[in-house]
Structure formats: C-alpha cells, structure tokens
C-alpha atoms as a PDB file:
ATOM      1  CA  MET A   1      56.993 -22.666 -40.005  1.00  0.00           C
ATOM      2  CA  ASP A   2      56.103 -25.252 -42.591  1.00  0.00           C
ATOM      3  CA  GLU A   3      58.331 -28.484 -43.448  1.00  0.00           C
ATOM      4  CA  ALA A   4      59.620 -26.994 -46.738  1.00  0.00           C
ATOM      5  CA  GLU A   5      60.581 -23.743 -44.908  1.00  0.00           C
ATOM      6  CA  ALA A   6      62.508 -25.529 -42.187  1.00  0.00           C
ATOM      7  CA  GLU A   7      64.273 -27.487 -45.020  1.00  0.00           C
ATOM      8  CA  ARG A   8      65.334 -24.374 -46.508  1.00  0.00           C
ATOM      9  CA  ILE A   9      66.675 -22.844 -43.476  1.00  0.00           C
ATOM     10  CA  ILE A  10      68.466 -26.152 -42.499  1.00  0.00           C
ATOM     11  CA  GLU A  11      69.870 -26.286 -45.894  1.00  0.00           C
ATOM     12  CA  ALA A  12      71.191 -22.551 -46.000  1.00  0.00           C
ATOM     13  CA  ALA A  13      72.602 -23.152 -42.443  1.00  0.00           C
ATOM     14  CA  LEU A  14      74.640 -26.405 -43.812  1.00  0.00           C
ATOM     15  CA  PHE A  15      75.659 -24.318 -46.850  1.00  0.00           C
ATOM     16  CA  MET A  16      76.902 -21.514 -45.030  1.00  0.00           C
ATOM     17  CA  SER A  17      78.632 -23.302 -41.978  1.00  0.00           C
ATOM     18  CA  SER A  18      82.321 -24.055 -42.215  1.00  0.00           C
ATOM     19  CA  ARG A  19      81.943 -26.688 -39.414  1.00  0.00           C
ATOM     20  CA  PRO A  20      79.580 -29.603 -38.880  1.00  0.00           C
ATOM     21  CA  LEU A  21      76.268 -28.796 -37.188  1.00  0.00           C
ATOM     22  CA  GLU A  22      74.496 -30.796 -34.564  1.00  0.00           C
ATOM     23  CA  ALA A  23      70.608 -31.479 -34.835  1.00  0.00           C
ATOM     24  CA  LYS A  24      70.114 -29.248 -31.601  1.00  0.00           C
ATOM     25  CA  GLU A  25      71.809 -26.336 -33.277  1.00  0.00           C
ATOM     26  CA  LEU A  26      69.620 -26.629 -36.544  1.00  0.00           C
ATOM     27  CA  GLY A  27      66.537 -27.013 -34.430  1.00  0.00           C
ATOM     28  CA  LYS A  28      67.214 -23.846 -32.706  1.00  0.00           C
ATOM     29  CA  LEU A  29      67.262 -22.145 -35.979  1.00  0.00           C
ATOM     30  CA  ILE A  30      63.942 -23.461 -37.031  1.00  0.00           C
ATOM     31  CA  GLY A  31      62.415 -22.908 -33.583  1.00  0.00           C
ATOM     32  CA  VAL A  32      61.890 -26.639 -33.090  1.00  0.00           C
ATOM     33  CA  ALA A  33      63.119 -28.689 -30.021  1.00  0.00           C
ATOM     34  CA  ALA A  34      62.154 -32.032 -31.354  1.00  0.00           C
ATOM     35  CA  PRO A  35      65.352 -33.931 -32.689  1.00  0.00           C
ATOM     36  CA  GLY A  36      62.919 -36.061 -34.541  1.00  0.00           C
ATOM     37  CA  PHE A  37      61.532 -33.367 -36.701  1.00  0.00           C
ATOM     38  CA  VAL A  38      64.742 -31.978 -37.303  1.00  0.00           C
ATOM     39  CA  ALA A  39      66.356 -35.327 -38.422  1.00  0.00           C
ATOM     40  CA  GLN A  40      63.206 -35.856 -40.740  1.00  0.00           C
ATOM     41  CA  ARG A  41      63.951 -32.578 -42.493  1.00  0.00           C
ATOM     42  CA  ILE A  42      67.588 -33.196 -42.881  1.00  0.00           C
ATOM     43  CA  GLU A  43      66.590 -36.803 -44.366  1.00  0.00           C
ATOM     44  CA  ALA A  44      64.353 -35.404 -46.616  1.00  0.00           C
ATOM     45  CA  LEU A  45      67.252 -32.925 -47.653  1.00  0.00           C
ATOM     46  CA  LYS A  46      69.520 -35.675 -48.243  1.00  0.00           C
ATOM     47  CA  GLU A  47      67.034 -37.479 -50.311  1.00  0.00           C
ATOM     48  CA  LYS A  48      66.393 -34.579 -52.574  1.00  0.00           C
ATOM     49  CA  TYR A  49      70.312 -34.368 -53.262  1.00  0.00           C
ATOM     50  CA  GLU A  50      70.351 -38.167 -53.852  1.00  0.00           C
ATOM     51  CA  LYS A  51      67.516 -38.145 -56.286  1.00  0.00           C
ATOM     52  CA  SER A  52      68.558 -35.012 -58.328  1.00  0.00           C
ATOM     53  CA  GLY A  53      72.100 -36.646 -58.891  1.00  0.00           C
ATOM     54  CA  SER A  54      73.633 -33.555 -57.093  1.00  0.00           C
ATOM     55  CA  ALA A  55      77.526 -33.507 -56.615  1.00  0.00           C
ATOM     56  CA  ILE A  56      76.508 -32.093 -53.205  1.00  0.00           C
ATOM     57  CA  GLU A  57      75.585 -34.429 -50.076  1.00  0.00           C
ATOM     58  CA  ILE A  58      74.710 -34.042 -46.828  1.00  0.00           C
ATOM     59  CA  ALA A  59      76.844 -36.129 -44.552  1.00  0.00           C
ATOM     60  CA  PHE A  60      76.088 -37.440 -40.815  1.00  0.00           C
ATOM     61  CA  GLU A  61      79.427 -38.102 -38.856  1.00  0.00           C
ATOM     62  CA  ASP A  62      80.093 -37.890 -35.120  1.00  0.00           C
ATOM     63  CA  GLY A  63      76.607 -36.742 -34.340  1.00  0.00           C
ATOM     64  CA  LYS A  64      76.738 -33.859 -36.788  1.00  0.00           C
ATOM     65  CA  TYR A  65      75.616 -32.819 -40.139  1.00  0.00           C
ATOM     66  CA  GLN A  66      77.671 -31.089 -43.019  1.00  0.00           C
ATOM     67  CA  MET A  67      77.286 -30.338 -46.419  1.00  0.00           C
ATOM     68  CA  ARG A  68      80.084 -31.438 -48.744  1.00  0.00           C
ATOM     69  CA  LEU A  69      81.133 -32.265 -52.019  1.00  0.00           C
ATOM     70  CA  ARG A  70      80.639 -36.103 -53.218  1.00  0.00           C
ATOM     71  CA  ARG A  71      84.185 -37.843 -53.160  1.00  0.00           C
ATOM     72  CA  GLU A  72      83.648 -38.712 -56.935  1.00  0.00           C
ATOM     73  CA  TYR A  73      83.837 -34.997 -57.793  1.00  0.00           C
ATOM     74  CA  VAL A  74      86.517 -33.865 -55.449  1.00  0.00           C
ATOM     75  CA  GLY A  75      89.331 -34.371 -58.167  1.00  0.00           C
ATOM     76  CA  ALA A  76      87.630 -32.560 -60.588  1.00  0.00           C
ATOM     77  CA  VAL A  77      87.145 -29.377 -58.909  1.00  0.00           C
ATOM     78  CA  LYS A  78      89.942 -29.524 -55.979  1.00  0.00           C
ATOM     79  CA  GLN A  79      91.629 -26.443 -57.456  1.00  0.00           C
ATOM     80  CA  PHE A  80      89.143 -24.358 -56.323  1.00  0.00           C
ATOM     81  CA  ALA A  81      89.010 -25.357 -52.969  1.00  0.00           C
ATOM     82  CA  SER A  82      90.069 -22.998 -50.237  1.00  0.00           C
ATOM     83  CA  GLU A  83      90.508 -25.505 -47.390  1.00  0.00           C
ATOM     84  CA  GLY A  84      92.754 -22.920 -45.500  1.00  0.00           C
ATOM     85  CA  GLU A  85      90.179 -20.083 -45.228  1.00  0.00           C
ATOM     86  CA  ILE A  86      90.303 -18.696 -41.621  1.00  0.00           C
ATOM     87  CA  SER A  87      87.500 -16.176 -40.413  1.00  0.00           C
ATOM     88  CA  ARG A  88      88.596 -12.596 -40.201  1.00  0.00           C
ATOM     89  CA  HIS A  89      88.557 -12.486 -36.332  1.00  0.00           C
ATOM     90  CA  ALA A  90      90.383 -15.628 -36.095  1.00  0.00           C
ATOM     91  CA  LEU A  91      92.881 -14.423 -38.671  1.00  0.00           C
ATOM     92  CA  LYS A  92      93.719 -11.560 -36.312  1.00  0.00           C
ATOM     93  CA  THR A  93      94.125 -13.848 -33.484  1.00  0.00           C
ATOM     94  CA  LEU A  94      96.542 -16.085 -35.437  1.00  0.00           C
ATOM     95  CA  ALA A  95      98.745 -12.829 -36.092  1.00  0.00           C
ATOM     96  CA  TYR A  96      98.789 -12.103 -32.569  1.00  0.00           C
ATOM     97  CA  ILE A  97      99.691 -15.866 -31.616  1.00  0.00           C
ATOM     98  CA  SER A  98     102.585 -15.848 -34.720  1.00  0.00           C
ATOM     99  CA  LYS A  99     103.973 -12.707 -33.089  1.00  0.00           C
ATOM    100  CA  ASN A 100     103.755 -13.924 -29.493  1.00  0.00           C
ATOM    101  CA  GLU A 101     104.784 -17.703 -30.120  1.00  0.00           C
ATOM    102  CA  GLY A 102     103.998 -19.692 -27.028  1.00  0.00           C
ATOM    103  CA  ILE A 103     101.453 -17.388 -25.503  1.00  0.00           C
ATOM    104  CA  THR A 104      99.154 -18.937 -23.117  1.00  0.00           C
ATOM    105  CA  LYS A 105      95.098 -18.978 -23.691  1.00  0.00           C
ATOM    106  CA  ARG A 106      94.927 -17.052 -20.271  1.00  0.00           C
ATOM    107  CA  GLU A 107      97.248 -14.380 -21.340  1.00  0.00           C
ATOM    108  CA  LEU A 108      95.622 -14.198 -25.186  1.00  0.00           C
ATOM    109  CA  PHE A 109      92.174 -13.810 -23.452  1.00  0.00           C
ATOM    110  CA  LYS A 110      93.403 -10.792 -21.342  1.00  0.00           C
ATOM    111  CA  ARG A 111      94.704  -9.134 -24.350  1.00  0.00           C
ATOM    112  CA  LEU A 112      92.066  -9.897 -26.836  1.00  0.00           C
ATOM    113  CA  GLY A 113      88.934 -11.037 -25.044  1.00  0.00           C
ATOM    114  CA  SER A 114      86.727 -13.901 -24.582  1.00  0.00           C
ATOM    115  CA  GLY A 115      86.394 -14.219 -28.579  1.00  0.00           C
ATOM    116  CA  ILE A 116      89.800 -16.075 -28.615  1.00  0.00           C
ATOM    117  CA  TYR A 117      88.311 -19.339 -27.326  1.00  0.00           C
ATOM    118  CA  SER A 118      86.182 -19.929 -30.568  1.00  0.00           C
ATOM    119  CA  ASP A 119      89.121 -18.489 -32.728  1.00  0.00           C
ATOM    120  CA  VAL A 120      91.839 -20.919 -31.079  1.00  0.00           C
ATOM    121  CA  ALA A 121      89.273 -23.930 -31.418  1.00  0.00           C
ATOM    122  CA  GLU A 122      89.129 -22.851 -35.286  1.00  0.00           C
ATOM    123  CA  LEU A 123      92.740 -22.487 -35.869  1.00  0.00           C
ATOM    124  CA  VAL A 124      93.515 -25.873 -34.150  1.00  0.00           C
ATOM    125  CA  GLU A 125      90.920 -27.694 -36.112  1.00  0.00           C
ATOM    126  CA  LYS A 126      92.223 -26.051 -39.250  1.00  0.00           C
ATOM    127  CA  GLY A 127      95.780 -26.944 -38.380  1.00  0.00           C
ATOM    128  CA  PHE A 128      97.436 -23.595 -38.001  1.00  0.00           C
ATOM    129  CA  VAL A 129      97.803 -23.749 -34.382  1.00  0.00           C
ATOM    130  CA  MET A 130      98.550 -26.455 -31.757  1.00  0.00           C
ATOM    131  CA  GLN A 131      98.339 -26.154 -28.067  1.00  0.00           C
ATOM    132  CA  LYS A 132     100.562 -27.597 -25.305  1.00  0.00           C
ATOM    133  CA  LYS A 133      99.405 -28.023 -21.888  1.00  0.00           C
ATOM    134  CA  ALA A 134     101.091 -25.238 -19.485  1.00  0.00           C
ATOM    135  CA  GLY A 135      99.563 -25.636 -16.100  1.00  0.00           C
ATOM    136  CA  ARG A 136      96.077 -25.005 -15.866  1.00  0.00           C
ATOM    137  CA  THR A 137      95.954 -23.236 -19.401  1.00  0.00           C
ATOM    138  CA  ALA A 138      97.560 -24.124 -22.672  1.00  0.00           C
ATOM    139  CA  ALA A 139     100.541 -22.455 -24.619  1.00  0.00           C
ATOM    140  CA  LEU A 140      99.716 -21.933 -28.256  1.00  0.00           C
ATOM    141  CA  HIS A 141     102.149 -22.446 -31.087  1.00  0.00           C
ATOM    142  CA  THR A 142     101.849 -22.006 -34.754  1.00  0.00           C
ATOM    143  CA  THR A 143     102.449 -25.203 -36.923  1.00  0.00           C
ATOM    144  CA  SER A 144     104.222 -26.090 -39.905  1.00  0.00           C
ATOM    145  CA  LYS A 145     101.126 -25.814 -41.579  1.00  0.00           C
ATOM    146  CA  PHE A 146     100.824 -21.998 -40.816  1.00  0.00           C
ATOM    147  CA  LYS A 147     104.666 -21.562 -41.845  1.00  0.00           C
ATOM    148  CA  ASN A 148     103.898 -23.092 -45.418  1.00  0.00           C
ATOM    149  CA  TYR A 149     100.723 -21.545 -45.705  1.00  0.00           C
ATOM    150  CA  PHE A 150     101.837 -17.852 -44.864  1.00  0.00           C
ATOM    151  CA  SER A 151     105.449 -18.225 -46.228  1.00  0.00           C
ATOM    152  CA  GLU A 152     106.051 -16.187 -49.602  1.00  0.00           C
ATOM    153  CA  GLY A 153     103.679 -17.273 -52.193  1.00  0.00           C
ATOM    154  CA  GLY A 154     102.194 -19.960 -50.276  1.00  0.00           C
ATOM    155  CA  ALA A 155      98.735 -18.169 -49.300  1.00  0.00           C
ATOM    156  CA  GLY A 156      97.760 -17.239 -52.791  1.00  0.00           C
END
C-alpha cells in the first residue's frame, strides 16, 4: 500500500469514527505496525487540512487522534450537531437499562450478551448512563441527560 492510499484509509477511519482512535488501531487498518509510519501519515493529513484552510482538523489528545471541526466554526453550525447520537445496539442496551434501573453489568451481560461492555462504555462516555460500584461489578443508572434527552420533545 502506498502512502497516499494509507492516508486515505486513515482519513476515512477518522471521519467515520465517533471516538478518538489510537495510532495502533489505525496501523492495523493499513497493515503497518510501525507507529512512526502511521504518525507520519497522520501528520501529512493534518498539514493538508491546515494548508487548504479547511474547517476540519485532526486533533491529537490523550494519545489518540480525532477528526473534528475547528473551534472557530462550531458556533456557526452547532444547530446541525447530533452529540447525542447513539449506536443502534447501544440504544437497545440503553432501553433495557432504563427499564431495569440499577441493573448490574453482570446481570445485563447474562441477559444481553458480551456486546453490552462496549455499549455501556459508549453510553457512559456520552453521559446517558452512570456506573456505581456494586461489589465486584457495577450497577447501571440512567442520568439526568438521559431523562432530558428522551423526555417529550427532547430527542428531536
């Protein structure tokens, strides 16, 4: 795979992902284990966005990369944002949690399977669910953001 194709795949992954990605993950996509090569391709992409004057940037925070809107453009287009978007699978898990308020992760796993772990992580990250230690597991509770978002007229 040439450098240009590697950059296009990395760009596509950053564009599609709803979460920041590690260089290691991006390296797997392009079949390269060398973090230096991945970092060079990301830097090349960042430069292209900067030189073109794009409203999009590639940010590096906490060891992960993310494609995002430059701050100066957020105010102009924030009405189109859908920060609360939840994956379809996580939405099903959220519905189950809301019907069984306080259910433990262990019980949720028994009922819905191992997919709940990534769902719960997504729901916690987006602020719809909080975890409270319950012995060796955690009890799951919906948050006020969940209640506000899904109250009458709140989700749309």
